[in-house]
């Protein structure tokens, strides 16, 4: 499956979750075994050169690809969850969204000192969530080796918040 065919499966939904927000619905990619396999394979190839020890992804949509990417790379998978969802001691970061403030946490023992971490999320928009994930990796003692995404909304310039980390996206939208 080509990246153009993969992108054609992503639905654009206007005014969700709030008026003026353009949502990218990836559920058709998940519903197609061929598309899901192609997406995971593409994301694995983007991440392979960085040889991560762990893949870290945020709930909820990052969880959909993260474990499959980690498994294919021979890496562990680390959950970044909303507050109160993890049962042991956590490290947390607060970050701003386009439409509010949120917080993510990981277990304090989820990454060892110097762990090489590939940060993954399904979508790179303004970069706030991904930047928070990078801070979370560093707070937990790891090193971010790269950030990988299924889809980048390049017109929002989220990658500028992620400097100096390498940023890779399988699919890229240049315009709204």
Protein backbone atom coordinates (compact mmCIF):
# COMPACT_ATOMS: atom_id res chain seq x y z
CA UNK A 1 0.00 0.00 0.00
CA UNK A 2 1.40 3.40 -0.95
CA UNK A 3 1.51 6.36 1.38
CA UNK A 4 -1.03 8.10 -0.89
CA UNK A 5 -3.42 5.17 -0.46
CA UNK A 6 -2.82 5.22 3.27
CA UNK A 7 -3.47 8.98 3.49
CA UNK A 8 -6.67 8.57 1.47
CA UNK A 9 -8.03 6.42 4.30
CA UNK A 10 -7.56 9.17 6.90
CA UNK A 11 -10.83 11.11 7.13
CA UNK A 12 -10.87 14.85 7.69
CA UNK A 13 -13.61 15.90 10.14
CA UNK A 14 -14.39 19.60 10.50
CA UNK A 15 -15.18 21.26 13.83
CA UNK A 16 -14.21 18.35 16.09
CA UNK A 17 -13.74 18.29 19.04
CA UNK A 18 -14.40 22.05 18.99
CA UNK A 19 -15.52 24.56 16.36
CA UNK A 20 -12.63 25.53 14.10
CA UNK A 21 -10.59 22.39 14.83
CA UNK A 22 -9.94 20.03 11.92
CA UNK A 23 -9.74 16.44 13.23
CA UNK A 24 -7.93 13.65 11.39
CA UNK A 25 -9.79 10.36 11.90
CA UNK A 26 -7.40 7.39 11.62
CA UNK A 27 -9.99 4.71 12.40
CA UNK A 28 -10.25 3.61 8.73
CA UNK A 29 -6.49 2.86 8.80
CA UNK A 30 -7.03 0.74 11.91
CA UNK A 31 -10.01 -1.04 10.35
CA UNK A 32 -8.02 -2.24 7.35
CA UNK A 33 -5.50 -5.01 8.11
CA UNK A 34 -3.46 -4.04 5.04
CA UNK A 35 -3.45 -0.34 5.93
CA UNK A 36 -2.58 -0.98 9.57
CA UNK A 37 0.27 -3.30 8.56
CA UNK A 38 1.55 -0.73 6.04
CA UNK A 39 1.40 2.04 8.63
CA UNK A 40 3.24 0.00 11.27
CA UNK A 41 5.85 -1.17 8.74
CA UNK A 42 6.44 2.42 7.59
CA UNK A 43 6.74 3.71 11.15
CA UNK A 44 9.13 0.89 12.05
CA UNK A 45 11.38 1.76 9.11
CA UNK A 46 11.42 5.42 10.19
CA UNK A 47 12.40 4.40 13.73
CA UNK A 48 14.87 1.60 12.97
CA UNK A 49 17.97 3.79 12.39
CA UNK A 50 17.65 5.23 15.91
CA UNK A 51 17.87 1.80 17.62
CA UNK A 52 15.63 2.71 20.55
CA UNK A 53 15.51 0.76 23.79
CA UNK A 54 11.91 1.89 24.28
CA UNK A 55 9.02 3.39 22.37
CA UNK A 56 6.95 5.81 24.45
CA UNK A 57 3.45 6.80 23.36
CA UNK A 58 0.61 8.77 24.88
CA UNK A 59 -2.89 7.58 25.48
CA UNK A 60 -5.02 7.08 23.64
CA UNK A 61 -4.28 7.05 19.93
CA UNK A 62 -0.52 6.69 20.39
CA UNK A 63 -1.26 3.38 22.11
CA UNK A 64 -2.71 2.03 18.87
CA UNK A 65 0.62 1.88 17.02
CA UNK A 66 3.22 2.15 19.78
CA UNK A 67 3.29 -1.46 21.00
CA UNK A 68 3.43 -2.85 17.44
CA UNK A 69 6.30 -0.48 16.57
CA UNK A 70 8.16 -1.39 19.76
CA UNK A 71 7.74 -5.11 19.17
CA UNK A 72 9.01 -4.89 15.58
CA UNK A 73 12.02 -2.85 16.75
CA UNK A 74 12.82 -5.26 19.59
CA UNK A 75 12.19 -2.42 22.06
CA UNK A 76 10.08 -2.10 25.18
CA UNK A 77 6.88 -0.08 25.22
CA UNK A 78 6.24 2.65 27.81
CA UNK A 79 2.78 4.06 28.53
CA UNK A 80 2.30 7.79 29.02
CA UNK A 81 -1.08 8.13 30.70
CA UNK A 82 -3.44 10.75 32.05
CA UNK A 83 -3.14 11.49 35.80
CA UNK A 84 -4.27 8.79 38.20
CA UNK A 85 -4.24 5.94 35.68
CA UNK A 86 -0.91 4.37 36.66
CA UNK A 87 -0.74 2.37 39.90
CA UNK A 88 2.78 3.20 41.12
CA UNK A 89 4.88 6.31 41.69
CA UNK A 90 4.96 8.55 38.60
CA UNK A 91 6.77 11.44 36.97
CA UNK A 92 4.44 13.93 35.26
CA UNK A 93 4.42 16.94 32.97
CA UNK A 94 1.71 19.49 32.27
CA UNK A 95 1.26 20.89 28.78
CA UNK A 96 -1.04 23.12 26.77
CA UNK A 97 -3.33 21.87 24.04
CA UNK A 98 -4.96 23.89 21.30
CA UNK A 99 -8.09 23.89 23.47
CA UNK A 100 -6.94 23.50 27.09
CA UNK A 101 -4.32 22.12 29.48
CA UNK A 102 -3.50 18.47 30.13
CA UNK A 103 -1.02 16.29 32.02
CA UNK A 104 0.77 13.01 31.23
CA UNK A 105 2.57 10.60 33.54
CA UNK A 106 4.90 7.60 33.36
CA UNK A 107 6.06 5.29 36.12
CA UNK A 108 9.27 6.57 37.69
CA UNK A 109 10.95 3.24 36.97
CA UNK A 110 9.75 2.91 33.36
CA UNK A 111 13.03 4.16 31.84
CA UNK A 112 16.51 3.58 33.15
CA UNK A 113 19.20 6.27 33.07
CA UNK A 114 20.28 6.89 29.50
CA UNK A 115 17.50 4.77 27.95
CA UNK A 116 17.23 5.56 24.25
CA UNK A 117 13.60 6.44 23.55
CA UNK A 118 11.61 6.86 20.36
CA UNK A 119 8.63 9.10 21.10
CA UNK A 120 5.58 8.12 19.06
CA UNK A 121 2.16 9.64 18.52
CA UNK A 122 -0.38 9.23 15.79
CA UNK A 123 -0.46 12.91 14.87
CA UNK A 124 1.86 15.91 15.04
CA UNK A 125 -0.17 19.12 15.06
CA UNK A 126 1.10 22.08 17.09
CA UNK A 127 3.65 19.91 18.89
CA UNK A 128 2.49 20.44 22.47
CA UNK A 129 1.77 16.80 23.28
CA UNK A 130 4.95 15.54 21.62
CA UNK A 131 7.08 18.17 23.38
CA UNK A 132 5.51 17.11 26.69
CA UNK A 133 6.35 13.48 25.90
CA UNK A 134 9.97 14.47 25.26
CA UNK A 135 10.11 16.32 28.59
CA UNK A 136 8.57 13.30 30.27
CA UNK A 137 11.27 11.01 28.84
CA UNK A 138 13.97 13.33 30.14
CA UNK A 139 12.29 13.68 33.58
CA UNK A 140 12.24 9.87 33.79
CA UNK A 141 15.99 9.70 33.00
CA UNK A 142 15.86 8.73 29.33
CA UNK A 143 17.18 10.32 26.16
CA UNK A 144 14.91 11.09 23.20
CA UNK A 145 16.52 9.69 20.04
CA UNK A 146 13.70 10.71 17.67
CA UNK A 147 9.99 11.49 17.37
CA UNK A 148 7.83 9.56 14.92
CA UNK A 149 4.27 10.16 13.76
CA UNK A 150 1.75 8.57 11.45
CA UNK A 151 0.62 12.01 10.20
CA UNK A 152 2.14 15.46 10.45
CA UNK A 153 0.05 18.58 9.89
CA UNK A 154 3.04 20.52 8.55
CA UNK A 155 1.09 23.78 8.19
CA UNK A 156 0.88 23.99 12.01
CA UNK A 157 4.71 23.77 12.35
CA UNK A 158 4.65 21.48 15.38
CA UNK A 159 8.11 20.16 14.56
CA UNK A 160 9.62 23.52 15.55
CA UNK A 161 8.69 22.76 19.20
CA UNK A 162 10.58 19.47 18.95
CA UNK A 163 13.98 20.85 18.02
CA UNK A 164 16.68 19.51 18.34
CA UNK A 165 15.13 16.03 18.07
CA UNK A 166 14.86 14.28 14.69
CA UNK A 167 11.20 14.29 13.60
CA UNK A 168 9.76 11.82 11.09
CA UNK A 169 6.23 11.33 9.82
CA UNK A 170 4.95 8.63 7.51
CA UNK A 171 2.27 10.97 6.10
CA UNK A 172 2.40 14.74 5.82
CA UNK A 173 -0.35 17.29 5.14
CA UNK A 174 1.14 20.56 3.83
CA UNK A 175 -2.11 22.53 3.89
CA UNK A 176 -5.37 22.53 5.86
